[in-house]
Amino acid sequence: MDQEQQLRNLRDFLLVYNRMTEICFQRCSSNFNYRNLTMDEERCVDSCAGKLIRSNHRLMGTYVQLMPRMMQRRMEEIETKAAENAKAAEAAETPSAATMTPQELQSPQPLVTPTDT
């Protein structure tokens, strides 16, 4: 894994961790008279962090399951668009009967024009 990917993963982890800390602090901290947490606050933090961690694990599990399907669908869309673009480019290069005038359809054009020598 390259360094840029590792930094991105660390940043994502820190964002999740900081968000979880903020949520649990807002929900559970109520008494700022003491340095340590009360028993109720400690239980609340344990419960809050546990719920967020479990929900994050479920979310990541679902993401891991769905990601290959999403990538397959995206690749199919890209291939379809590439095929359509190739057909459009091919159609633009060769004149079709629909774009030719009636005179062009009736009299064939010579491939080589005569020149005066």
PDB file of N, CA and C in Angstrom:
ATOM      1  N   MET A   1       0.852  -1.174   0.000  1.00  0.00           N
ATOM      2  CA  MET A   1       0.000   0.000   0.000  1.00  0.00           C
ATOM      3  C   MET A   1       0.902   1.243   0.000  1.00  0.00           C
ATOM      4  N   ASP A   2       0.623   2.182  -0.872  1.00  0.00           N
ATOM      5  CA  ASP A   2       1.486   3.349  -0.957  1.00  0.00           C
ATOM      6  C   ASP A   2       1.211   4.325   0.186  1.00  0.00           C
ATOM      7  N   GLN A   3       2.119   5.247   0.363  1.00  0.00           N
ATOM      8  CA  GLN A   3       2.057   6.167   1.493  1.00  0.00           C
ATOM      9  C   GLN A   3       0.823   7.069   1.429  1.00  0.00           C
ATOM     10  N   GLU A   4       0.452   7.489   0.241  1.00  0.00           N
ATOM     11  CA  GLU A   4      -0.725   8.348   0.085  1.00  0.00           C
ATOM     12  C   GLU A   4      -1.995   7.630   0.537  1.00  0.00           C
ATOM     13  N   GLN A   5      -2.124   6.360   0.183  1.00  0.00           N
ATOM     14  CA  GLN A   5      -3.273   5.569   0.598  1.00  0.00           C
ATOM     15  C   GLN A   5      -3.277   5.383   2.113  1.00  0.00           C
ATOM     16  N   GLN A   6      -2.120   5.162   2.704  1.00  0.00           N
ATOM     17  CA  GLN A   6      -2.031   5.012   4.151  1.00  0.00           C
ATOM     18  C   GLN A   6      -2.441   6.295   4.859  1.00  0.00           C
ATOM     19  N   LEU A   7      -2.008   7.423   4.338  1.00  0.00           N
ATOM     20  CA  LEU A   7      -2.403   8.709   4.928  1.00  0.00           C
ATOM     21  C   LEU A   7      -3.910   8.939   4.810  1.00  0.00           C
ATOM     22  N   ARG A   8      -4.467   8.554   3.678  1.00  0.00           N
ATOM     23  CA  ARG A   8      -5.916   8.688   3.480  1.00  0.00           C
ATOM     24  C   ARG A   8      -6.679   7.804   4.473  1.00  0.00           C
ATOM     25  N   ASN A   9      -6.199   6.574   4.665  1.00  0.00           N
ATOM     26  CA  ASN A   9      -6.841   5.672   5.619  1.00  0.00           C
ATOM     27  C   ASN A   9      -6.749   6.214   7.046  1.00  0.00           C
ATOM     28  N   LEU A  10      -5.583   6.749   7.409  1.00  0.00           N
ATOM     29  CA  LEU A  10      -5.412   7.326   8.737  1.00  0.00           C
ATOM     30  C   LEU A  10      -6.341   8.518   8.928  1.00  0.00           C
ATOM     31  N   ARG A  11      -6.434   9.355   7.927  1.00  0.00           N
ATOM     32  CA  ARG A  11      -7.322  10.517   8.011  1.00  0.00           C
ATOM     33  C   ARG A  11      -8.775  10.089   8.178  1.00  0.00           C
ATOM     34  N   ASP A  12      -9.197   9.084   7.419  1.00  0.00           N
ATOM     35  CA  ASP A  12     -10.565   8.582   7.539  1.00  0.00           C
ATOM     36  C   ASP A  12     -10.820   8.019   8.927  1.00  0.00           C
ATOM     37  N   PHE A  13      -9.851   7.243   9.451  1.00  0.00           N
ATOM     38  CA  PHE A  13      -9.997   6.682  10.790  1.00  0.00           C
ATOM     39  C   PHE A  13     -10.120   7.796  11.822  1.00  0.00           C
ATOM     40  N   LEU A  14      -9.273   8.807  11.725  1.00  0.00           N
ATOM     41  CA  LEU A  14      -9.309   9.904  12.692  1.00  0.00           C
ATOM     42  C   LEU A  14     -10.611  10.689  12.610  1.00  0.00           C
ATOM     43  N   LEU A  15     -11.140  10.860  11.413  1.00  0.00           N
ATOM     44  CA  LEU A  15     -12.423  11.541  11.280  1.00  0.00           C
ATOM     45  C   LEU A  15     -13.540  10.761  11.972  1.00  0.00           C
ATOM     46  N   VAL A  16     -13.564   9.437  11.786  1.00  0.00           N
ATOM     47  CA  VAL A  16     -14.575   8.599  12.434  1.00  0.00           C
ATOM     48  C   VAL A  16     -14.398   8.630  13.949  1.00  0.00           C
ATOM     49  N   TYR A  17     -13.152   8.496  14.395  1.00  0.00           N
ATOM     50  CA  TYR A  17     -12.869   8.494  15.830  1.00  0.00           C
ATOM     51  C   TYR A  17     -13.263   9.827  16.464  1.00  0.00           C
ATOM     52  N   ASN A  18     -12.898  10.937  15.832  1.00  0.00           N
ATOM     53  CA  ASN A  18     -13.223  12.254  16.383  1.00  0.00           C
ATOM     54  C   ASN A  18     -14.723  12.490  16.413  1.00  0.00           C
ATOM     55  N   ARG A  19     -15.412  12.044  15.382  1.00  0.00           N
ATOM     56  CA  ARG A  19     -16.877  12.197  15.356  1.00  0.00           C
ATOM     57  C   ARG A  19     -17.527  11.367  16.458  1.00  0.00           C
ATOM     58  N   MET A  20     -17.048  10.138  16.649  1.00  0.00           N
ATOM     59  CA  MET A  20     -17.586   9.284  17.708  1.00  0.00           C
ATOM     60  C   MET A  20     -17.326   9.916  19.072  1.00  0.00           C
ATOM     61  N   THR A  21     -16.144  10.440  19.281  1.00  0.00           N
ATOM     62  CA  THR A  21     -15.808  11.086  20.554  1.00  0.00           C
ATOM     63  C   THR A  21     -16.723  12.274  20.811  1.00  0.00           C
ATOM     64  N   GLU A  22     -16.947  13.065  19.802  1.00  0.00           N
ATOM     65  CA  GLU A  22     -17.808  14.240  19.940  1.00  0.00           C
ATOM     66  C   GLU A  22     -19.245  13.853  20.281  1.00  0.00           C
ATOM     67  N   ILE A  23     -19.777  12.864  19.578  1.00  0.00           N
ATOM     68  CA  ILE A  23     -21.152  12.417  19.819  1.00  0.00           C
ATOM     69  C   ILE A  23     -21.303  11.879  21.235  1.00  0.00           C
ATOM     70  N   CYS A  24     -20.393  10.993  21.630  1.00  0.00           N
ATOM     71  CA  CYS A  24     -20.499  10.386  22.958  1.00  0.00           C
ATOM     72  C   CYS A  24     -20.271  11.419  24.061  1.00  0.00           C
ATOM     73  N   PHE A  25     -19.390  12.367  23.838  1.00  0.00           N
ATOM     74  CA  PHE A  25     -19.177  13.421  24.837  1.00  0.00           C
ATOM     75  C   PHE A  25     -20.444  14.252  25.018  1.00  0.00           C
ATOM     76  N   GLN A  26     -21.078  14.638  23.930  1.00  0.00           N
ATOM     77  CA  GLN A  26     -22.294  15.445  24.023  1.00  0.00           C
ATOM     78  C   GLN A  26     -23.429  14.686  24.694  1.00  0.00           C
ATOM     79  N   ARG A  27     -23.534  13.382  24.430  1.00  0.00           N
ATOM     80  CA  ARG A  27     -24.602  12.579  25.007  1.00  0.00           C
ATOM     81  C   ARG A  27     -24.375  12.265  26.476  1.00  0.00           C
ATOM     82  N   CYS A  28     -23.125  12.017  26.846  1.00  0.00           N
ATOM     83  CA  CYS A  28     -22.862  11.414  28.148  1.00  0.00           C
ATOM     84  C   CYS A  28     -22.287  12.357  29.196  1.00  0.00           C
ATOM     85  N   SER A  29     -21.652  13.414  28.791  1.00  0.00           N
ATOM     86  CA  SER A  29     -21.020  14.298  29.781  1.00  0.00           C
ATOM     87  C   SER A  29     -22.041  15.288  30.312  1.00  0.00           C
ATOM     88  N   SER A  30     -22.230  15.239  31.620  1.00  0.00           N
ATOM     89  CA  SER A  30     -23.209  16.155  32.214  1.00  0.00           C
ATOM     90  C   SER A  30     -22.662  16.841  33.457  1.00  0.00           C
ATOM     91  N   ASN A  31     -21.710  16.237  34.134  1.00  0.00           N
ATOM     92  CA  ASN A  31     -21.205  16.772  35.390  1.00  0.00           C
ATOM     93  C   ASN A  31     -19.727  17.113  35.226  1.00  0.00           C
ATOM     94  N   PHE A  32     -19.418  18.406  35.227  1.00  0.00           N
ATOM     95  CA  PHE A  32     -18.039  18.862  35.038  1.00  0.00           C
ATOM     96  C   PHE A  32     -17.393  19.274  36.362  1.00  0.00           C
ATOM     97  N   ASN A  33     -17.988  18.855  37.479  1.00  0.00           N
ATOM     98  CA  ASN A  33     -17.444  19.200  38.793  1.00  0.00           C
ATOM     99  C   ASN A  33     -16.292  18.284  39.201  1.00  0.00           C
ATOM    100  N   TYR A  34     -16.146  17.146  38.544  1.00  0.00           N
ATOM    101  CA  TYR A  34     -15.123  16.183  38.923  1.00  0.00           C
ATOM    102  C   TYR A  34     -14.207  15.902  37.738  1.00  0.00           C
ATOM    103  N   ARG A  35     -13.007  15.519  38.070  1.00  0.00           N
ATOM    104  CA  ARG A  35     -12.024  15.207  37.047  1.00  0.00           C
ATOM    105  C   ARG A  35     -12.356  13.892  36.340  1.00  0.00           C
ATOM    106  N   ASN A  36     -12.810  12.903  37.086  1.00  0.00           N
ATOM    107  CA  ASN A  36     -13.122  11.579  36.540  1.00  0.00           C
ATOM    108  C   ASN A  36     -14.593  11.480  36.186  1.00  0.00           C
ATOM    109  N   LEU A  37     -14.899  10.502  35.333  1.00  0.00           N
ATOM    110  CA  LEU A  37     -16.292  10.254  34.957  1.00  0.00           C
ATOM    111  C   LEU A  37     -17.046   9.615  36.120  1.00  0.00           C
ATOM    112  N   THR A  38     -18.330   9.925  36.219  1.00  0.00           N
ATOM    113  CA  THR A  38     -19.161   9.216  37.178  1.00  0.00           C
ATOM    114  C   THR A  38     -19.476   7.843  36.609  1.00  0.00           C
ATOM    115  N   MET A  39     -20.010   6.966  37.420  1.00  0.00           N
ATOM    116  CA  MET A  39     -20.347   5.618  36.950  1.00  0.00           C
ATOM    117  C   MET A  39     -21.379   5.676  35.823  1.00  0.00           C
ATOM    118  N   ASP A  40     -22.374   6.559  35.948  1.00  0.00           N
ATOM    119  CA  ASP A  40     -23.392   6.690  34.888  1.00  0.00           C
ATOM    120  C   ASP A  40     -22.778   7.186  33.585  1.00  0.00           C
ATOM    121  N   GLU A  41     -21.896   8.180  33.703  1.00  0.00           N
ATOM    122  CA  GLU A  41     -21.237   8.698  32.511  1.00  0.00           C
ATOM    123  C   GLU A  41     -20.358   7.624  31.862  1.00  0.00           C
ATOM    124  N   GLU A  42     -19.671   6.860  32.671  1.00  0.00           N
ATOM    125  CA  GLU A  42     -18.801   5.809  32.141  1.00  0.00           C
ATOM    126  C   GLU A  42     -19.610   4.742  31.413  1.00  0.00           C
ATOM    127  N   ARG A  43     -20.746   4.331  31.998  1.00  0.00           N
ATOM    128  CA  ARG A  43     -21.619   3.352  31.333  1.00  0.00           C
ATOM    129  C   ARG A  43     -22.167   3.924  30.019  1.00  0.00           C
ATOM    130  N   CYS A  44     -22.551   5.184  30.073  1.00  0.00           N
ATOM    131  CA  CYS A  44     -23.088   5.833  28.869  1.00  0.00           C
ATOM    132  C   CYS A  44     -22.035   5.867  27.767  1.00  0.00           C
ATOM    133  N   VAL A  45     -20.800   6.235  28.095  1.00  0.00           N
ATOM    134  CA  VAL A  45     -19.723   6.301  27.103  1.00  0.00           C
ATOM    135  C   VAL A  45     -19.450   4.914  26.534  1.00  0.00           C
ATOM    136  N   ASP A  46     -19.405   3.890  27.395  1.00  0.00           N
ATOM    137  CA  ASP A  46     -19.178   2.529  26.916  1.00  0.00           C
ATOM    138  C   ASP A  46     -20.275   2.099  25.956  1.00  0.00           C
ATOM    139  N   SER A  47     -21.515   2.387  26.342  1.00  0.00           N
ATOM    140  CA  SER A  47     -22.647   2.011  25.491  1.00  0.00           C
ATOM    141  C   SER A  47     -22.629   2.787  24.177  1.00  0.00           C
ATOM    142  N   CYS A  48     -22.396   4.080  24.264  1.00  0.00           N
ATOM    143  CA  CYS A  48     -22.389   4.937  23.073  1.00  0.00           C
ATOM    144  C   CYS A  48     -21.284   4.513  22.114  1.00  0.00           C
ATOM    145  N   ALA A  49     -20.070   4.343  22.617  1.00  0.00           N
ATOM    146  CA  ALA A  49     -18.948   3.960  21.761  1.00  0.00           C
ATOM    147  C   ALA A  49     -19.185   2.573  21.168  1.00  0.00           C
ATOM    148  N   GLY A  50     -19.704   1.651  21.979  1.00  0.00           N
ATOM    149  CA  GLY A  50     -19.985   0.310  21.479  1.00  0.00           C
ATOM    150  C   GLY A  50     -20.985   0.321  20.340  1.00  0.00           C
ATOM    151  N   LYS A  51     -22.053   1.112  20.499  1.00  0.00           N
ATOM    152  CA  LYS A  51     -23.067   1.198  19.441  1.00  0.00           C
ATOM    153  C   LYS A  51     -22.479   1.783  18.161  1.00  0.00           C
ATOM    154  N   LEU A  52     -21.696   2.837  18.299  1.00  0.00           N
ATOM    155  CA  LEU A  52     -21.123   3.467  17.108  1.00  0.00           C
ATOM    156  C   LEU A  52     -20.112   2.550  16.427  1.00  0.00           C
ATOM    157  N   ILE A  53     -19.336   1.822  17.211  1.00  0.00           N
ATOM    158  CA  ILE A  53     -18.354   0.905  16.624  1.00  0.00           C
ATOM    159  C   ILE A  53     -19.066  -0.236  15.909  1.00  0.00           C
ATOM    160  N   ARG A  54     -20.109  -0.804  16.558  1.00  0.00           N
ATOM    161  CA  ARG A  54     -20.857  -1.892  15.906  1.00  0.00           C
ATOM    162  C   ARG A  54     -21.545  -1.409  14.635  1.00  0.00           C
ATOM    163  N   SER A  55     -22.124  -0.218  14.682  1.00  0.00           N
ATOM    164  CA  SER A  55     -22.790   0.288  13.476  1.00  0.00           C
ATOM    165  C   SER A  55     -21.770   0.560  12.371  1.00  0.00           C
ATOM    166  N   ASN A  56     -20.584   1.044  12.741  1.00  0.00           N
ATOM    167  CA  ASN A  56     -19.538   1.276  11.755  1.00  0.00           C
ATOM    168  C   ASN A  56     -19.083  -0.043  11.134  1.00  0.00           C
ATOM    169  N   HIS A  57     -18.955  -1.101  11.956  1.00  0.00           N
ATOM    170  CA  HIS A  57     -18.559  -2.415  11.428  1.00  0.00           C
ATOM    171  C   HIS A  57     -19.621  -2.955  10.468  1.00  0.00           C
ATOM    172  N   ARG A  58     -20.890  -2.795  10.819  1.00  0.00           N
ATOM    173  CA  ARG A  58     -21.964  -3.259   9.928  1.00  0.00           C
ATOM    174  C   ARG A  58     -21.954  -2.478   8.624  1.00  0.00           C
ATOM    175  N   LEU A  59     -21.765  -1.177   8.735  1.00  0.00           N
ATOM    176  CA  LEU A  59     -21.722  -0.333   7.545  1.00  0.00           C
ATOM    177  C   LEU A  59     -20.563  -0.725   6.641  1.00  0.00           C
ATOM    178  N   MET A  60     -19.391  -0.940   7.217  1.00  0.00           N
ATOM    179  CA  MET A  60     -18.231  -1.328   6.417  1.00  0.00           C
ATOM    180  C   MET A  60     -18.416  -2.721   5.817  1.00  0.00           C
ATOM    181  N   GLY A  61     -19.063  -3.632   6.566  1.00  0.00           N
ATOM    182  CA  GLY A  61     -19.333  -4.964   6.020  1.00  0.00           C
ATOM    183  C   GLY A  61     -20.244  -4.898   4.810  1.00  0.00           C
ATOM    184  N   THR A  62     -21.276  -4.075   4.896  1.00  0.00           N
ATOM    185  CA  THR A  62     -22.190  -3.894   3.768  1.00  0.00           C
ATOM    186  C   THR A  62     -21.464  -3.250   2.595  1.00  0.00           C
ATOM    187  N   TYR A  63     -20.627  -2.271   2.883  1.00  0.00           N
ATOM    188  CA  TYR A  63     -19.861  -1.596   1.836  1.00  0.00           C
ATOM    189  C   TYR A  63     -18.954  -2.587   1.107  1.00  0.00           C
ATOM    190  N   VAL A  64     -18.286  -3.437   1.873  1.00  0.00           N
ATOM    191  CA  VAL A  64     -17.372  -4.422   1.275  1.00  0.00           C
ATOM    192  C   VAL A  64     -18.146  -5.400   0.389  1.00  0.00           C
ATOM    193  N   GLN A  65     -19.360  -5.760   0.797  1.00  0.00           N
ATOM    194  CA  GLN A  65     -20.162  -6.677  -0.015  1.00  0.00           C
ATOM    195  C   GLN A  65     -20.669  -6.013  -1.285  1.00  0.00           C
ATOM    196  N   LEU A  66     -21.088  -4.763  -1.186  1.00  0.00           N
ATOM    197  CA  LEU A  66     -21.690  -4.080  -2.329  1.00  0.00           C
ATOM    198  C   LEU A  66     -20.681  -3.473  -3.298  1.00  0.00           C
ATOM    199  N   MET A  67     -19.491  -3.187  -2.841  1.00  0.00           N
ATOM    200  CA  MET A  67     -18.509  -2.501  -3.675  1.00  0.00           C
ATOM    201  C   MET A  67     -18.169  -3.264  -4.956  1.00  0.00           C
ATOM    202  N   PRO A  68     -17.931  -4.584  -4.915  1.00  0.00           N
ATOM    203  CA  PRO A  68     -17.637  -5.280  -6.181  1.00  0.00           C
ATOM    204  C   PRO A  68     -18.777  -5.163  -7.192  1.00  0.00           C
ATOM    205  N   ARG A  69     -20.011  -5.246  -6.723  1.00  0.00           N
ATOM    206  CA  ARG A  69     -21.150  -5.104  -7.647  1.00  0.00           C
ATOM    207  C   ARG A  69     -21.204  -3.699  -8.231  1.00  0.00           C
ATOM    208  N   MET A  70     -20.948  -2.698  -7.383  1.00  0.00           N
ATOM    209  CA  MET A  70     -20.977  -1.319  -7.869  1.00  0.00           C
ATOM    210  C   MET A  70     -19.871  -1.084  -8.893  1.00  0.00           C
ATOM    211  N   MET A  71     -18.696  -1.637  -8.648  1.00  0.00           N
ATOM    212  CA  MET A  71     -17.588  -1.486  -9.589  1.00  0.00           C
ATOM    213  C   MET A  71     -17.888  -2.205 -10.902  1.00  0.00           C
ATOM    214  N   GLN A  72     -18.499  -3.391 -10.827  1.00  0.00           N
ATOM    215  CA  GLN A  72     -18.867  -4.137 -12.034  1.00  0.00           C
ATOM    216  C   GLN A  72     -19.873  -3.344 -12.863  1.00  0.00           C
ATOM    217  N   ARG A  73     -20.870  -2.785 -12.191  1.00  0.00           N
ATOM    218  CA  ARG A  73     -21.891  -1.984 -12.884  1.00  0.00           C
ATOM    219  C   ARG A  73     -21.250  -0.757 -13.527  1.00  0.00           C
ATOM    220  N   ARG A  74     -20.338  -0.117 -12.815  1.00  0.00           N
ATOM    221  CA  ARG A  74     -19.667   1.068 -13.347  1.00  0.00           C
ATOM    222  C   ARG A  74     -18.824   0.716 -14.566  1.00  0.00           C
ATOM    223  N   MET A  75     -18.128  -0.429 -14.509  1.00  0.00           N
ATOM    224  CA  MET A  75     -17.318  -0.866 -15.656  1.00  0.00           C
ATOM    225  C   MET A  75     -18.201  -1.154 -16.863  1.00  0.00           C
ATOM    226  N   GLU A  76     -19.354  -1.784 -16.631  1.00  0.00           N
ATOM    227  CA  GLU A  76     -20.273  -2.060 -17.740  1.00  0.00           C
ATOM    228  C   GLU A  76     -20.767  -0.758 -18.363  1.00  0.00           C
ATOM    229  N   GLU A  77     -21.072   0.242 -17.530  1.00  0.00           N
ATOM    230  CA  GLU A  77     -21.516   1.539 -18.054  1.00  0.00           C
ATOM    231  C   GLU A  77     -20.419   2.195 -18.874  1.00  0.00           C
ATOM    232  N   ILE A  78     -19.191   2.119 -18.408  1.00  0.00           N
ATOM    233  CA  ILE A  78     -18.066   2.716 -19.132  1.00  0.00           C
ATOM    234  C   ILE A  78     -17.868   2.017 -20.474  1.00  0.00           C
ATOM    235  N   GLU A  79     -17.951   0.679 -20.477  1.00  0.00           N
ATOM    236  CA  GLU A  79     -17.806  -0.071 -21.722  1.00  0.00           C
ATOM    237  C   GLU A  79     -18.930   0.253 -22.697  1.00  0.00           C
ATOM    238  N   THR A  80     -20.156   0.395 -22.198  1.00  0.00           N
ATOM    239  CA  THR A  80     -21.289   0.742 -23.049  1.00  0.00           C
ATOM    240  C   THR A  80     -21.091   2.123 -23.661  1.00  0.00           C
ATOM    241  N   LYS A  81     -20.660   3.089 -22.854  1.00  0.00           N
ATOM    242  CA  LYS A  81     -20.424   4.435 -23.374  1.00  0.00           C
ATOM    243  C   LYS A  81     -19.297   4.446 -24.395  1.00  0.00           C
ATOM    244  N   ALA A  82     -18.260   3.659 -24.144  1.00  0.00           N
ATOM    245  CA  ALA A  82     -17.147   3.591 -25.101  1.00  0.00           C
ATOM    246  C   ALA A  82     -17.622   3.003 -26.421  1.00  0.00           C
ATOM    247  N   ALA A  83     -18.464   1.972 -26.367  1.00  0.00           N
ATOM    248  CA  ALA A  83     -18.988   1.374 -27.591  1.00  0.00           C
ATOM    249  C   ALA A  83     -19.870   2.368 -28.336  1.00  0.00           C
ATOM    250  N   GLU A  84     -20.697   3.112 -27.605  1.00  0.00           N
ATOM    251  CA  GLU A  84     -21.553   4.120 -28.233  1.00  0.00           C
ATOM    252  C   GLU A  84     -20.709   5.218 -28.873  1.00  0.00           C
ATOM    253  N   ASN A  85     -19.660   5.651 -28.184  1.00  0.00           N
ATOM    254  CA  ASN A  85     -18.784   6.688 -28.736  1.00  0.00           C
ATOM    255  C   ASN A  85     -18.060   6.185 -29.981  1.00  0.00           C
ATOM    256  N   ALA A  86     -17.660   4.933 -29.960  1.00  0.00           N
ATOM    257  CA  ALA A  86     -16.993   4.360 -31.134  1.00  0.00           C
ATOM    258  C   ALA A  86     -17.957   4.293 -32.316  1.00  0.00           C
ATOM    259  N   LYS A  87     -19.195   3.899 -32.074  1.00  0.00           N
ATOM    260  CA  LYS A  87     -20.192   3.854 -33.150  1.00  0.00           C
ATOM    261  C   LYS A  87     -20.472   5.255 -33.685  1.00  0.00           C
ATOM    262  N   ALA A  88     -20.561   6.234 -32.773  1.00  0.00           N
ATOM    263  CA  ALA A  88     -20.813   7.608 -33.202  1.00  0.00           C
ATOM    264  C   ALA A  88     -19.648   8.135 -34.021  1.00  0.00           C
ATOM    265  N   ALA A  89     -18.436   7.831 -33.615  1.00  0.00           N
ATOM    266  CA  ALA A  89     -17.260   8.277 -34.360  1.00  0.00           C
ATOM    267  C   ALA A  89     -17.210   7.605 -35.725  1.00  0.00           C
ATOM    268  N   GLU A  90     -17.548   6.331 -35.768  1.00  0.00           N
ATOM    269  CA  GLU A  90     -17.560   5.605 -37.044  1.00  0.00           C
ATOM    270  C   GLU A  90     -18.627   6.157 -37.976  1.00  0.00           C
ATOM    271  N   ALA A  91     -19.785   6.468 -37.404  1.00  0.00           N
ATOM    272  CA  ALA A  91     -20.870   7.020 -38.218  1.00  0.00           C
ATOM    273  C   ALA A  91     -20.509   8.410 -38.736  1.00  0.00           C
ATOM    274  N   ALA A  92     -19.773   9.172 -37.966  1.00  0.00           N
ATOM    275  CA  ALA A  92     -19.377  10.515 -38.386  1.00  0.00           C
ATOM    276  C   ALA A  92     -18.344  10.457 -39.505  1.00  0.00           C
ATOM    277  N   GLU A  93     -17.527   9.416 -39.548  1.00  0.00           N
ATOM    278  CA  GLU A  93     -16.491   9.291 -40.565  1.00  0.00           C
ATOM    279  C   GLU A  93     -17.041   8.860 -41.913  1.00  0.00           C
ATOM    280  N   THR A  94     -18.021   7.972 -41.941  1.00  0.00           N
ATOM    281  CA  THR A  94     -18.566   7.463 -43.196  1.00  0.00           C
ATOM    282  C   THR A  94     -19.919   8.099 -43.447  1.00  0.00           C
ATOM    283  N   PRO A  95     -20.108   8.721 -44.631  1.00  0.00           N
ATOM    284  CA  PRO A  95     -21.414   9.320 -44.910  1.00  0.00           C
ATOM    285  C   PRO A  95     -22.449   8.223 -45.160  1.00  0.00           C
ATOM    286  N   SER A  96     -23.587   8.401 -44.605  1.00  0.00           N
ATOM    287  CA  SER A  96     -24.654   7.416 -44.796  1.00  0.00           C
ATOM    288  C   SER A  96     -25.607   7.899 -45.889  1.00  0.00           C
ATOM    289  N   ALA A  97     -26.474   7.023 -46.326  1.00  0.00           N
ATOM    290  CA  ALA A  97     -27.436   7.362 -47.374  1.00  0.00           C
ATOM    291  C   ALA A  97     -28.386   8.447 -46.897  1.00  0.00           C
ATOM    292  N   ALA A  98     -28.617   8.523 -45.600  1.00  0.00           N
ATOM    293  CA  ALA A  98     -29.539   9.527 -45.071  1.00  0.00           C
ATOM    294  C   ALA A  98     -28.950  10.926 -45.177  1.00  0.00           C
ATOM    295  N   THR A  99     -27.620  11.057 -45.167  1.00  0.00           N
ATOM    296  CA  THR A  99     -27.008  12.383 -45.237  1.00  0.00           C
ATOM    297  C   THR A  99     -26.619  12.787 -46.647  1.00  0.00           C
ATOM    298  N   MET A 100     -26.742  11.891 -47.609  1.00  0.00           N
ATOM    299  CA  MET A 100     -26.355  12.192 -48.988  1.00  0.00           C
ATOM    300  C   MET A 100     -27.525  12.828 -49.733  1.00  0.00           C
ATOM    301  N   THR A 101     -27.177  13.695 -50.688  1.00  0.00           N
ATOM    302  CA  THR A 101     -28.209  14.341 -51.503  1.00  0.00           C
ATOM    303  C   THR A 101     -28.708  13.350 -52.552  1.00  0.00           C
ATOM    304  N   PRO A 102     -29.904  13.578 -53.135  1.00  0.00           N
ATOM    305  CA  PRO A 102     -30.401  12.671 -54.172  1.00  0.00           C
ATOM    306  C   PRO A 102     -29.455  12.563 -55.365  1.00  0.00           C
ATOM    307  N   GLN A 103     -28.754  13.642 -55.739  1.00  0.00           N
ATOM    308  CA  GLN A 103     -27.817  13.582 -56.857  1.00  0.00           C
ATOM    309  C   GLN A 103     -26.631  12.668 -56.540  1.00  0.00           C
ATOM    310  N   GLU A 104     -26.142  12.742 -55.298  1.00  0.00           N
ATOM    311  CA  GLU A 104     -25.021  11.883 -54.913  1.00  0.00           C
ATOM    312  C   GLU A 104     -25.430  10.416 -54.931  1.00  0.00           C
ATOM    313  N   LEU A 105     -26.701  10.148 -54.572  1.00  0.00           N
ATOM    314  CA  LEU A 105     -27.172   8.772 -54.566  1.00  0.00           C
ATOM    315  C   LEU A 105     -27.321   8.224 -55.980  1.00  0.00           C
ATOM    316  N   GLN A 106     -27.715   9.082 -56.970  1.00  0.00           N
ATOM    317  CA  GLN A 106     -27.955   8.619 -58.337  1.00  0.00           C
ATOM    318  C   GLN A 106     -26.664   8.479 -59.132  1.00  0.00           C
ATOM    319  N   SER A 107     -25.746   9.418 -58.995  1.00  0.00           N
ATOM    320  CA  SER A 107     -24.518   9.340 -59.804  1.00  0.00           C
ATOM    321  C   SER A 107     -23.333   9.083 -58.886  1.00  0.00           C
ATOM    322  N   PRO A 108     -22.649   7.994 -59.134  1.00  0.00           N
ATOM    323  CA  PRO A 108     -21.476   7.695 -58.299  1.00  0.00           C
ATOM    324  C   PRO A 108     -20.348   8.669 -58.612  1.00  0.00           C
ATOM    325  N   GLN A 109     -19.642   9.042 -57.592  1.00  0.00           N
ATOM    326  CA  GLN A 109     -18.507   9.962 -57.737  1.00  0.00           C
ATOM    327  C   GLN A 109     -17.287   9.173 -58.133  1.00  0.00           C
ATOM    328  N   PRO A 110     -16.502   9.665 -59.095  1.00  0.00           N
ATOM    329  CA  PRO A 110     -15.261   8.960 -59.443  1.00  0.00           C
ATOM    330  C   PRO A 110     -14.270   9.039 -58.301  1.00  0.00           C
ATOM    331  N   LEU A 111     -13.505   7.967 -58.127  1.00  0.00           N
ATOM    332  CA  LEU A 111     -12.509   7.950 -57.067  1.00  0.00           C
ATOM    333  C   LEU A 111     -11.335   8.856 -57.402  1.00  0.00           C
ATOM    334  N   VAL A 112     -10.987   8.917 -58.705  1.00  0.00           N
ATOM    335  CA  VAL A 112      -9.856   9.751 -59.129  1.00  0.00           C
ATOM    336  C   VAL A 112     -10.393  10.751 -60.128  1.00  0.00           C
ATOM    337  N   THR A 113     -10.073  11.993 -59.919  1.00  0.00           N
ATOM    338  CA  THR A 113     -10.533  13.028 -60.857  1.00  0.00           C
ATOM    339  C   THR A 113      -9.483  13.175 -61.958  1.00  0.00           C
ATOM    340  N   PRO A 114      -9.945  13.368 -63.179  1.00  0.00           N
ATOM    341  CA  PRO A 114      -8.985  13.522 -64.285  1.00  0.00           C
ATOM    342  C   PRO A 114      -8.262  14.846 -64.146  1.00  0.00           C
ATOM    343  N   THR A 115      -7.018  14.839 -64.505  1.00  0.00           N
ATOM    344  CA  THR A 115      -6.222  16.071 -64.463  1.00  0.00           C
ATOM    345  C   THR A 115      -5.650  16.356 -65.829  1.00  0.00           C
ATOM    346  N   ASP A 116      -5.446  17.597 -66.105  1.00  0.00           N
ATOM    347  CA  ASP A 116      -4.842  17.991 -67.379  1.00  0.00           C
ATOM    348  C   ASP A 116      -3.335  17.824 -67.299  1.00  0.00           C
ATOM    349  N   THR A 117      -2.747  17.124 -68.248  1.00  0.00           N
ATOM    350  CA  THR A 117      -1.295  16.944 -68.278  1.00  0.00           C
ATOM    351  C   THR A 117      -0.700  17.448 -69.544  1.00  0.00           C
TER     352      THR A 117
END
